[in-house]
Amino acid sequence: MEETTVESGRGSSRRTGIIVVAVVLALVAGGFGAWFAFLRPTGVQRADVERLDKQRGIVDSSMNLYDPLLEEFTARYTNVVAEEEDEQAKEQVLNRESDLIKRESAANTGRLDAMAASPVTQEAEIAEAFRRFKDQYGAVIAYNDQRLINTANITRSVGGPCAPLHKDLNVSGGNYAQEYVTTADSCLLALAGAKDKADADAVQLLGGIEEVIKGQRAKQQEVLDATDDLARLAKRTTAGVALLEINEALNKVRTTYEEAVKASSTKLVDDANASNAELERLLKARLATFDAAGQEGK
């Protein structure tokens, strides 16, 4: 009986201890909650502004990665297409090399979204500047994603089915006209497919190449349609002379495309740089207000 009483007392003591600990923990938790609610500084903090400015710099610097990534992609994909590898090999290179650019774009989009969640971007003086920054850098990201599509489409068509028209066919061969017409048909089909998802500048380039190839094909078809040897010789001569002008015609189309791309990219970069400079100026000015007030918050 006495032992039972002792054990009962010990159990009661343990329960009391557990209750005390629980109460203490609850009070401590409540204390922290009260600190966050009443004692923690409110409003935008210096750390918020510094973090946003750091994110701004990272996004701006990351834009410099696109050109080398696209150059590397173009070189590797052009090689595998030129080597006439099977479609699986081409797709593997396309997916592997383009994935680097896609991941960079996804990372940059995530950075812009993270910046948008900052309380600093809600301040009146900074809100509009950040909106322009986000819009302009978002446009640069979208433009480079489109460059990836354009480059792949142009390489796959011009460097693929169209390539034999200027490097493989034997001009002096007796069946040159037929080979040209057959190859041109494959080239034109590839060019038409390459317009899918291409932007206006790339479509104009592909359309320009189409017109040149169609013109050359028509002249070679005239050779095939000639009814006698004399007429065929005359048509072959005319078609041969036309071939001498093909490089000039294609260079004109390419130059027009390159100038359009340069104008578009220059404007996008200039607009992005201007929005970056404005946002940086405002953030530096906001940090200066903390220095003037000698505090971390408002």
C-alpha atoms as a PDB file:
ATOM      1  CA  MET A   1       0.000   0.000   0.000  1.00  0.00           C
ATOM      2  CA  GLU A   2       2.784   2.359   0.882  1.00  0.00           C
ATOM      3  CA  GLU A   3       4.684   1.476  -2.303  1.00  0.00           C
ATOM      4  CA  THR A   4       1.572   2.145  -4.332  1.00  0.00           C
ATOM      5  CA  THR A   5       1.295   5.569  -2.754  1.00  0.00           C
ATOM      6  CA  VAL A   6       4.940   6.323  -3.517  1.00  0.00           C
ATOM      7  CA  GLU A   7       4.572   5.199  -7.150  1.00  0.00           C
ATOM      8  CA  SER A   8       1.398   7.228  -7.479  1.00  0.00           C
ATOM      9  CA  GLY A   9       3.222  10.289  -6.141  1.00  0.00           C
ATOM     10  CA  ARG A  10       6.062   9.786  -8.598  1.00  0.00           C
ATOM     11  CA  GLY A  11       3.655   9.489 -11.529  1.00  0.00           C
ATOM     12  CA  SER A  12       1.867  12.612 -10.416  1.00  0.00           C
ATOM     13  CA  SER A  13       5.190  14.416 -10.139  1.00  0.00           C
ATOM     14  CA  ARG A  14       6.146  13.405 -13.692  1.00  0.00           C
ATOM     15  CA  ARG A  15       2.824  14.583 -15.035  1.00  0.00           C
ATOM     16  CA  THR A  16       3.231  17.877 -13.203  1.00  0.00           C
ATOM     17  CA  GLY A  17       6.706  18.281 -14.702  1.00  0.00           C
ATOM     18  CA  ILE A  18       5.400  17.611 -18.222  1.00  0.00           C
ATOM     19  CA  ILE A  19       2.623  20.150 -17.733  1.00  0.00           C
ATOM     20  CA  VAL A  20       5.101  22.747 -16.456  1.00  0.00           C
ATOM     21  CA  VAL A  21       7.395  22.180 -19.437  1.00  0.00           C
ATOM     22  CA  ALA A  22       4.473  22.453 -21.824  1.00  0.00           C
ATOM     23  CA  VAL A  23       3.345  25.693 -20.213  1.00  0.00           C
ATOM     24  CA  VAL A  24       6.881  27.120 -20.367  1.00  0.00           C
ATOM     25  CA  LEU A  25       7.183  26.182 -24.048  1.00  0.00           C
ATOM     26  CA  ALA A  26       3.825  27.760 -24.774  1.00  0.00           C
ATOM     27  CA  LEU A  27       4.896  30.953 -23.020  1.00  0.00           C
ATOM     28  CA  VAL A  28       8.190  30.996 -24.914  1.00  0.00           C
ATOM     29  CA  ALA A  29       6.383  30.442 -28.214  1.00  0.00           C
ATOM     30  CA  GLY A  30       3.925  33.137 -27.308  1.00  0.00           C
ATOM     31  CA  GLY A  31       6.790  35.428 -26.483  1.00  0.00           C
ATOM     32  CA  PHE A  32       8.373  34.906 -29.882  1.00  0.00           C
ATOM     33  CA  GLY A  33       5.010  35.444 -31.519  1.00  0.00           C
ATOM     34  CA  ALA A  34       4.572  38.669 -29.646  1.00  0.00           C
ATOM     35  CA  TRP A  35       8.087  39.736 -30.645  1.00  0.00           C
ATOM     36  CA  PHE A  36       7.319  39.148 -34.317  1.00  0.00           C
ATOM     37  CA  ALA A  37       4.003  40.906 -33.972  1.00  0.00           C
ATOM     38  CA  PHE A  38       5.028  43.900 -31.859  1.00  0.00           C
ATOM     39  CA  LEU A  39       8.798  44.249 -31.655  1.00  0.00           C
ATOM     40  CA  ARG A  40      10.014  43.263 -35.161  1.00  0.00           C
ATOM     41  CA  PRO A  41      10.568  46.326 -37.361  1.00  0.00           C
ATOM     42  CA  THR A  42       7.735  46.862 -39.835  1.00  0.00           C
ATOM     43  CA  GLY A  43       7.813  48.113 -43.400  1.00  0.00           C
ATOM     44  CA  VAL A  44      10.553  47.803 -46.002  1.00  0.00           C
ATOM     45  CA  GLN A  45      13.952  47.007 -44.524  1.00  0.00           C
ATOM     46  CA  ARG A  46      17.423  47.782 -45.810  1.00  0.00           C
ATOM     47  CA  ALA A  47      17.929  44.041 -46.357  1.00  0.00           C
ATOM     48  CA  ASP A  48      14.887  43.988 -48.647  1.00  0.00           C
ATOM     49  CA  VAL A  49      16.323  46.733 -50.827  1.00  0.00           C
ATOM     50  CA  GLU A  50      19.802  45.207 -50.863  1.00  0.00           C
ATOM     51  CA  ARG A  51      18.351  41.815 -51.824  1.00  0.00           C
ATOM     52  CA  LEU A  52      16.322  43.308 -54.664  1.00  0.00           C
ATOM     53  CA  ASP A  53      19.330  45.235 -55.954  1.00  0.00           C
ATOM     54  CA  LYS A  54      21.423  42.062 -55.886  1.00  0.00           C
ATOM     55  CA  GLN A  55      18.726  40.174 -57.804  1.00  0.00           C
ATOM     56  CA  ARG A  56      18.617  43.010 -60.341  1.00  0.00           C
ATOM     57  CA  GLY A  57      22.336  42.690 -60.935  1.00  0.00           C
ATOM     58  CA  ILE A  58      22.128  38.911 -61.348  1.00  0.00           C
ATOM     59  CA  VAL A  59      19.338  39.168 -63.929  1.00  0.00           C
ATOM     60  CA  ASP A  60      21.250  41.829 -65.851  1.00  0.00           C
ATOM     61  CA  SER A  61      24.485  39.806 -65.851  1.00  0.00           C
ATOM     62  CA  SER A  62      22.733  36.607 -66.886  1.00  0.00           C
ATOM     63  CA  MET A  63      21.670  38.219 -70.169  1.00  0.00           C
ATOM     64  CA  ASN A  64      25.299  38.078 -71.278  1.00  0.00           C
ATOM     65  CA  LEU A  65      25.108  34.282 -71.304  1.00  0.00           C
ATOM     66  CA  TYR A  66      22.631  34.060 -74.179  1.00  0.00           C
ATOM     67  CA  ASP A  67      24.951  34.960 -77.052  1.00  0.00           C
ATOM     68  CA  PRO A  68      27.676  32.385 -76.225  1.00  0.00           C
ATOM     69  CA  LEU A  69      25.048  29.728 -75.522  1.00  0.00           C
ATOM     70  CA  LEU A  70      23.332  30.381 -78.860  1.00  0.00           C
ATOM     71  CA  GLU A  71      26.650  30.445 -80.704  1.00  0.00           C
ATOM     72  CA  GLU A  72      27.587  27.091 -79.196  1.00  0.00           C
ATOM     73  CA  PHE A  73      24.175  25.671 -80.068  1.00  0.00           C
ATOM     74  CA  THR A  74      24.409  26.937 -83.660  1.00  0.00           C
ATOM     75  CA  ALA A  75      27.886  25.494 -84.178  1.00  0.00           C
ATOM     76  CA  ARG A  76      27.064  22.047 -82.825  1.00  0.00           C
ATOM     77  CA  TYR A  77      23.684  21.745 -84.490  1.00  0.00           C
ATOM     78  CA  THR A  78      25.053  22.984 -87.828  1.00  0.00           C
ATOM     79  CA  ASN A  79      27.774  20.332 -87.661  1.00  0.00           C
ATOM     80  CA  VAL A  80      25.425  17.438 -86.990  1.00  0.00           C
ATOM     81  CA  VAL A  81      23.047  18.585 -89.752  1.00  0.00           C
ATOM     82  CA  ALA A  82      25.914  19.067 -92.234  1.00  0.00           C
ATOM     83  CA  GLU A  83      27.275  15.620 -91.449  1.00  0.00           C
ATOM     84  CA  GLU A  84      23.879  14.204 -92.435  1.00  0.00           C
ATOM     85  CA  GLU A  85      23.522  12.208 -89.258  1.00  0.00           C
ATOM     86  CA  ASP A  86      20.300  10.270 -88.755  1.00  0.00           C
ATOM     87  CA  GLU A  87      17.288  12.069 -87.326  1.00  0.00           C
ATOM     88  CA  GLN A  88      17.783  10.578 -83.864  1.00  0.00           C
ATOM     89  CA  ALA A  89      21.317  11.967 -83.658  1.00  0.00           C
ATOM     90  CA  LYS A  90      20.088  15.385 -84.800  1.00  0.00           C
ATOM     91  CA  GLU A  91      17.317  15.397 -82.216  1.00  0.00           C
ATOM     92  CA  GLN A  92      19.717  14.409 -79.441  1.00  0.00           C
ATOM     93  CA  VAL A  93      22.015  17.334 -80.225  1.00  0.00           C
ATOM     94  CA  LEU A  94      19.044  19.680 -80.640  1.00  0.00           C
ATOM     95  CA  ASN A  95      17.543  18.696 -77.289  1.00  0.00           C
ATOM     96  CA  ARG A  96      20.826  18.643 -75.381  1.00  0.00           C
ATOM     97  CA  GLU A  97      22.168  21.971 -76.625  1.00  0.00           C
ATOM     98  CA  SER A  98      18.854  23.836 -76.586  1.00  0.00           C
ATOM     99  CA  ASP A  99      18.138  22.611 -73.049  1.00  0.00           C
ATOM    100  CA  LEU A 100      20.930  24.838 -71.714  1.00  0.00           C
ATOM    101  CA  ILE A 101      19.250  27.920 -73.162  1.00  0.00           C
ATOM    102  CA  LYS A 102      15.802  26.849 -72.001  1.00  0.00           C
ATOM    103  CA  ARG A 103      17.088  26.329 -68.454  1.00  0.00           C
ATOM    104  CA  GLU A 104      18.717  29.760 -68.447  1.00  0.00           C
ATOM    105  CA  SER A 105      15.430  31.317 -69.557  1.00  0.00           C
ATOM    106  CA  ALA A 106      13.515  29.433 -66.861  1.00  0.00           C
ATOM    107  CA  ALA A 107      16.024  30.591 -64.235  1.00  0.00           C
ATOM    108  CA  ASN A 108      15.722  34.211 -65.359  1.00  0.00           C
ATOM    109  CA  THR A 109      11.934  34.054 -65.363  1.00  0.00           C
ATOM    110  CA  GLY A 110      12.073  32.674 -61.820  1.00  0.00           C
ATOM    111  CA  ARG A 111      14.374  35.505 -60.773  1.00  0.00           C
ATOM    112  CA  LEU A 112      11.982  38.113 -62.134  1.00  0.00           C
ATOM    113  CA  ASP A 113       9.074  36.464 -60.303  1.00  0.00           C
ATOM    114  CA  ALA A 114      11.089  36.412 -57.074  1.00  0.00           C
ATOM    115  CA  MET A 115      11.834  40.109 -57.486  1.00  0.00           C
ATOM    116  CA  ALA A 116       8.141  40.838 -58.013  1.00  0.00           C
ATOM    117  CA  ALA A 117       7.410  39.297 -54.591  1.00  0.00           C
ATOM    118  CA  SER A 118       9.666  41.806 -52.825  1.00  0.00           C
ATOM    119  CA  PRO A 119       7.848  44.416 -50.703  1.00  0.00           C
ATOM    120  CA  VAL A 120      10.144  47.028 -52.223  1.00  0.00           C
ATOM    121  CA  THR A 121       8.439  46.693 -55.595  1.00  0.00           C
ATOM    122  CA  GLN A 122       5.187  47.863 -53.991  1.00  0.00           C
ATOM    123  CA  GLU A 123       6.589  51.258 -53.088  1.00  0.00           C
ATOM    124  CA  ALA A 124       5.213  54.017 -55.290  1.00  0.00           C
ATOM    125  CA  GLU A 125       8.577  55.364 -56.482  1.00  0.00           C
ATOM    126  CA  ILE A 126       9.909  51.923 -57.382  1.00  0.00           C
ATOM    127  CA  ALA A 127       6.794  50.078 -58.588  1.00  0.00           C
ATOM    128  CA  GLU A 128       6.682  51.590 -62.079  1.00  0.00           C
ATOM    129  CA  ALA A 129      10.439  51.300 -62.596  1.00  0.00           C
ATOM    130  CA  PHE A 130      10.323  47.639 -61.622  1.00  0.00           C
ATOM    131  CA  ARG A 131       7.365  47.009 -63.943  1.00  0.00           C
ATOM    132  CA  ARG A 132       9.381  48.369 -66.872  1.00  0.00           C
ATOM    133  CA  PHE A 133      12.419  46.337 -65.786  1.00  0.00           C
ATOM    134  CA  LYS A 134      10.375  43.135 -65.605  1.00  0.00           C
ATOM    135  CA  ASP A 135       8.680  43.796 -68.946  1.00  0.00           C
ATOM    136  CA  GLN A 136      11.894  44.674 -70.768  1.00  0.00           C
ATOM    137  CA  TYR A 137      13.947  41.779 -69.427  1.00  0.00           C
ATOM    138  CA  GLY A 138      11.001  39.454 -69.982  1.00  0.00           C
ATOM    139  CA  ALA A 139      11.009  40.615 -73.614  1.00  0.00           C
ATOM    140  CA  VAL A 140      14.739  39.868 -73.907  1.00  0.00           C
ATOM    141  CA  ILE A 141      14.202  36.369 -72.510  1.00  0.00           C
ATOM    142  CA  ALA A 142      11.326  35.730 -74.941  1.00  0.00           C
ATOM    143  CA  TYR A 143      13.382  37.081 -77.844  1.00  0.00           C
ATOM    144  CA  ASN A 144      16.278  34.742 -77.122  1.00  0.00           C
ATOM    145  CA  ASP A 145      13.901  31.807 -76.787  1.00  0.00           C
ATOM    146  CA  GLN A 146      12.599  32.741 -80.247  1.00  0.00           C
ATOM    147  CA  ARG A 147      16.144  33.003 -81.594  1.00  0.00           C
ATOM    148  CA  LEU A 148      16.629  29.394 -80.547  1.00  0.00           C
ATOM    149  CA  ILE A 149      13.577  28.328 -82.572  1.00  0.00           C
ATOM    150  CA  ASN A 150      14.622  30.420 -85.582  1.00  0.00           C
ATOM    151  CA  THR A 151      18.172  29.101 -85.548  1.00  0.00           C
ATOM    152  CA  ALA A 152      17.020  25.494 -85.323  1.00  0.00           C
ATOM    153  CA  ASN A 153      14.489  25.913 -88.131  1.00  0.00           C
ATOM    154  CA  ILE A 154      16.882  27.731 -90.462  1.00  0.00           C
ATOM    155  CA  THR A 155      19.710  25.299 -89.818  1.00  0.00           C
ATOM    156  CA  ARG A 156      17.493  22.257 -90.273  1.00  0.00           C
ATOM    157  CA  SER A 157      16.163  23.479 -93.640  1.00  0.00           C
ATOM    158  CA  VAL A 158      18.854  25.604 -95.278  1.00  0.00           C
ATOM    159  CA  GLY A 159      21.656  23.441 -93.938  1.00  0.00           C
ATOM    160  CA  GLY A 160      19.761  20.200 -94.577  1.00  0.00           C
ATOM    161  CA  PRO A 161      17.652  19.483 -97.707  1.00  0.00           C
ATOM    162  CA  CYS A 162      18.669  22.794 -99.326  1.00  0.00           C
ATOM    163  CA  ALA A 163      22.415  22.271 -98.898  1.00  0.00           C
ATOM    164  CA  PRO A 164      22.954  20.010-101.975  1.00  0.00           C
ATOM    165  CA  LEU A 165      21.735  22.821-104.242  1.00  0.00           C
ATOM    166  CA  HIS A 166      24.937  24.729-103.652  1.00  0.00           C
ATOM    167  CA  LYS A 167      27.484  22.084-102.715  1.00  0.00           C
ATOM    168  CA  ASP A 168      26.731  18.570-104.003  1.00  0.00           C
ATOM    169  CA  LEU A 169      25.098  18.695-107.430  1.00  0.00           C
ATOM    170  CA  ASN A 170      27.357  18.329-110.477  1.00  0.00           C
ATOM    171  CA  VAL A 171      26.624  21.277-112.769  1.00  0.00           C
ATOM    172  CA  SER A 172      28.305  19.621-115.740  1.00  0.00           C
ATOM    173  CA  GLY A 173      26.401  16.364-115.304  1.00  0.00           C
ATOM    174  CA  GLY A 174      23.948  15.363-117.989  1.00  0.00           C
ATOM    175  CA  ASN A 175      21.118  14.896-115.484  1.00  0.00           C
ATOM    176  CA  TYR A 176      21.828  18.091-113.527  1.00  0.00           C
ATOM    177  CA  ALA A 177      18.468  19.692-114.353  1.00  0.00           C
ATOM    178  CA  GLN A 178      16.519  16.705-113.052  1.00  0.00           C
ATOM    179  CA  GLU A 179      18.649  16.479-109.897  1.00  0.00           C
ATOM    180  CA  TYR A 180      18.170  20.185-109.302  1.00  0.00           C
ATOM    181  CA  VAL A 181      14.402  20.035-109.659  1.00  0.00           C
ATOM    182  CA  THR A 182      14.126  16.997-107.363  1.00  0.00           C
ATOM    183  CA  THR A 183      16.406  18.535-104.728  1.00  0.00           C
ATOM    184  CA  ALA A 184      14.693  21.928-104.987  1.00  0.00           C
ATOM    185  CA  ASP A 185      11.333  20.295-104.278  1.00  0.00           C
ATOM    186  CA  SER A 186      12.752  18.785-101.064  1.00  0.00           C
ATOM    187  CA  CYS A 187      14.314  22.132-100.162  1.00  0.00           C
ATOM    188  CA  LEU A 188      11.086  24.067-100.712  1.00  0.00           C
ATOM    189  CA  LEU A 189       9.163  21.577 -98.604  1.00  0.00           C
ATOM    190  CA  ALA A 190      11.688  21.996 -95.769  1.00  0.00           C
ATOM    191  CA  LEU A 191      11.595  25.796 -96.033  1.00  0.00           C
ATOM    192  CA  ALA A 192       7.807  25.799 -95.804  1.00  0.00           C
ATOM    193  CA  GLY A 193       7.949  23.629 -92.678  1.00  0.00           C
ATOM    194  CA  ALA A 194      10.653  25.820 -91.145  1.00  0.00           C
ATOM    195  CA  LYS A 195       8.218  28.744 -90.989  1.00  0.00           C
ATOM    196  CA  ASP A 196       6.309  26.966 -88.239  1.00  0.00           C
ATOM    197  CA  LYS A 197       6.761  28.917 -84.971  1.00  0.00           C
ATOM    198  CA  ALA A 198       9.317  31.232 -86.621  1.00  0.00           C
ATOM    199  CA  ASP A 199       8.992  34.987 -86.065  1.00  0.00           C
ATOM    200  CA  ALA A 200       8.322  37.570 -88.777  1.00  0.00           C
ATOM    201  CA  ASP A 201      12.010  38.205 -89.544  1.00  0.00           C
ATOM    202  CA  ALA A 202      12.790  34.492 -89.921  1.00  0.00           C
ATOM    203  CA  VAL A 203       9.675  33.940 -92.046  1.00  0.00           C
ATOM    204  CA  GLN A 204      10.812  36.768 -94.320  1.00  0.00           C
ATOM    205  CA  LEU A 205      14.250  35.157 -94.640  1.00  0.00           C
ATOM    206  CA  LEU A 206      12.816  31.732 -95.420  1.00  0.00           C
ATOM    207  CA  GLY A 207      10.344  33.263 -97.877  1.00  0.00           C
ATOM    208  CA  GLY A 208      13.158  35.115 -99.627  1.00  0.00           C
ATOM    209  CA  ILE A 209      15.160  31.915 -99.997  1.00  0.00           C
ATOM    210  CA  GLU A 210      12.054  30.175-101.310  1.00  0.00           C
ATOM    211  CA  GLU A 211      11.652  32.765-104.054  1.00  0.00           C
ATOM    212  CA  VAL A 212      15.268  32.367-105.157  1.00  0.00           C
ATOM    213  CA  ILE A 213      15.035  28.565-105.227  1.00  0.00           C
ATOM    214  CA  LYS A 214      11.676  28.628-107.027  1.00  0.00           C
ATOM    215  CA  GLY A 215      13.153  30.881-109.712  1.00  0.00           C
ATOM    216  CA  GLN A 216      16.122  28.569-110.223  1.00  0.00           C
ATOM    217  CA  ARG A 217      13.897  25.502-110.204  1.00  0.00           C
ATOM    218  CA  ALA A 218      11.623  26.991-112.874  1.00  0.00           C
ATOM    219  CA  LYS A 219      14.596  27.531-115.217  1.00  0.00           C
ATOM    220  CA  GLN A 220      15.821  23.961-114.696  1.00  0.00           C
ATOM    221  CA  GLN A 221      12.292  22.694-115.323  1.00  0.00           C
ATOM    222  CA  GLU A 222      12.344  24.544-118.659  1.00  0.00           C
ATOM    223  CA  VAL A 223      15.430  22.552-119.578  1.00  0.00           C
ATOM    224  CA  LEU A 224      13.559  19.324-118.854  1.00  0.00           C
ATOM    225  CA  ASP A 225      10.508  20.490-120.805  1.00  0.00           C
ATOM    226  CA  ALA A 226      12.470  21.431-123.938  1.00  0.00           C
ATOM    227  CA  THR A 227      11.331  19.333-126.904  1.00  0.00           C
ATOM    228  CA  ASP A 228      14.526  19.270-128.987  1.00  0.00           C
ATOM    229  CA  ASP A 229      18.272  19.377-128.447  1.00  0.00           C
ATOM    230  CA  LEU A 230      18.733  22.961-129.640  1.00  0.00           C
ATOM    231  CA  ALA A 231      16.011  24.299-127.388  1.00  0.00           C
ATOM    232  CA  ARG A 232      17.351  22.265-124.489  1.00  0.00           C
ATOM    233  CA  LEU A 233      20.852  23.669-125.009  1.00  0.00           C
ATOM    234  CA  ALA A 234      19.507  27.207-125.058  1.00  0.00           C
ATOM    235  CA  LYS A 235      17.500  26.651-121.876  1.00  0.00           C
ATOM    236  CA  ARG A 236      20.475  25.000-120.181  1.00  0.00           C
ATOM    237  CA  THR A 237      22.619  28.014-121.012  1.00  0.00           C
ATOM    238  CA  THR A 238      20.005  30.392-119.618  1.00  0.00           C
ATOM    239  CA  ALA A 239      19.680  28.318-116.458  1.00  0.00           C
ATOM    240  CA  GLY A 240      23.453  28.190-116.090  1.00  0.00           C
ATOM    241  CA  VAL A 241      23.753  31.967-116.323  1.00  0.00           C
ATOM    242  CA  ALA A 242      21.011  32.316-113.712  1.00  0.00           C
ATOM    243  CA  LEU A 243      22.970  30.103-111.338  1.00  0.00           C
ATOM    244  CA  LEU A 244      25.800  32.628-111.404  1.00  0.00           C
ATOM    245  CA  GLU A 245      23.451  35.149-109.810  1.00  0.00           C
ATOM    246  CA  ILE A 246      22.141  32.886-107.050  1.00  0.00           C
ATOM    247  CA  ASN A 247      24.810  33.794-104.498  1.00  0.00           C
ATOM    248  CA  GLU A 248      24.136  37.496-104.915  1.00  0.00           C
ATOM    249  CA  ALA A 249      20.407  36.930-104.532  1.00  0.00           C
ATOM    250  CA  LEU A 250      20.823  34.781-101.421  1.00  0.00           C
ATOM    251  CA  ASN A 251      23.300  37.225 -99.902  1.00  0.00           C
ATOM    252  CA  LYS A 252      20.777  40.026-100.337  1.00  0.00           C
ATOM    253  CA  VAL A 253      18.121  37.989 -98.528  1.00  0.00           C
ATOM    254  CA  ARG A 254      20.547  37.087 -95.744  1.00  0.00           C
ATOM    255  CA  THR A 255      21.753  40.686 -95.329  1.00  0.00           C
ATOM    256  CA  THR A 256      18.160  41.917 -95.017  1.00  0.00           C
ATOM    257  CA  TYR A 257      17.525  39.316 -92.315  1.00  0.00           C
ATOM    258  CA  GLU A 258      20.698  40.111 -90.379  1.00  0.00           C
ATOM    259  CA  GLU A 259      19.950  43.837 -90.436  1.00  0.00           C
ATOM    260  CA  ALA A 260      16.413  43.226 -89.168  1.00  0.00           C
ATOM    261  CA  VAL A 261      17.673  40.963 -86.379  1.00  0.00           C
ATOM    262  CA  LYS A 262      20.337  43.470 -85.389  1.00  0.00           C
ATOM    263  CA  ALA A 263      17.800  46.308 -85.245  1.00  0.00           C
ATOM    264  CA  SER A 264      15.372  44.251 -83.143  1.00  0.00           C
ATOM    265  CA  SER A 265      17.992  42.974 -80.715  1.00  0.00           C
ATOM    266  CA  THR A 266      19.647  46.380 -80.344  1.00  0.00           C
ATOM    267  CA  LYS A 267      16.347  48.033 -79.415  1.00  0.00           C
ATOM    268  CA  LEU A 268      15.515  45.291 -76.901  1.00  0.00           C
ATOM    269  CA  VAL A 269      18.941  45.516 -75.278  1.00  0.00           C
ATOM    270  CA  ASP A 270      18.871  49.332 -75.196  1.00  0.00           C
ATOM    271  CA  ASP A 271      15.406  49.331 -73.591  1.00  0.00           C
ATOM    272  CA  ALA A 272      16.467  46.701 -71.045  1.00  0.00           C
ATOM    273  CA  ASN A 273      19.645  48.614 -70.177  1.00  0.00           C
ATOM    274  CA  ALA A 274      17.655  51.821 -69.700  1.00  0.00           C
ATOM    275  CA  SER A 275      15.151  50.133 -67.379  1.00  0.00           C
ATOM    276  CA  ASN A 276      17.985  48.499 -65.453  1.00  0.00           C
ATOM    277  CA  ALA A 277      19.785  51.821 -64.980  1.00  0.00           C
ATOM    278  CA  GLU A 278      16.592  53.495 -63.750  1.00  0.00           C
ATOM    279  CA  LEU A 279      15.762  50.717 -61.279  1.00  0.00           C
ATOM    280  CA  GLU A 280      19.337  50.671 -59.992  1.00  0.00           C
ATOM    281  CA  ARG A 281      19.253  54.455 -59.489  1.00  0.00           C
ATOM    282  CA  LEU A 282      16.036  54.285 -57.471  1.00  0.00           C
ATOM    283  CA  LEU A 283      17.262  51.385 -55.335  1.00  0.00           C
ATOM    284  CA  LYS A 284      20.513  53.189 -54.549  1.00  0.00           C
ATOM    285  CA  ALA A 285      18.491  56.275 -53.626  1.00  0.00           C
ATOM    286  CA  ARG A 286      16.280  54.137 -51.385  1.00  0.00           C
ATOM    287  CA  LEU A 287      19.343  52.746 -49.608  1.00  0.00           C
ATOM    288  CA  ALA A 288      20.546  56.300 -49.077  1.00  0.00           C
ATOM    289  CA  THR A 289      17.375  57.064 -47.121  1.00  0.00           C
ATOM    290  CA  PHE A 290      18.373  54.401 -44.583  1.00  0.00           C
ATOM    291  CA  ASP A 291      21.808  55.980 -44.253  1.00  0.00           C
ATOM    292  CA  ALA A 292      20.263  59.404 -43.759  1.00  0.00           C
ATOM    293  CA  ALA A 293      17.840  58.091 -41.128  1.00  0.00           C
ATOM    294  CA  GLY A 294      20.483  55.933 -39.465  1.00  0.00           C
ATOM    295  CA  GLN A 295      18.162  52.950 -39.309  1.00  0.00           C
ATOM    296  CA  GLU A 296      17.455  49.648 -40.980  1.00  0.00           C
ATOM    297  CA  GLY A 297      13.754  50.176 -41.669  1.00  0.00           C
ATOM    298  CA  LYS A 298      11.548  53.088 -42.648  1.00  0.00           C
END
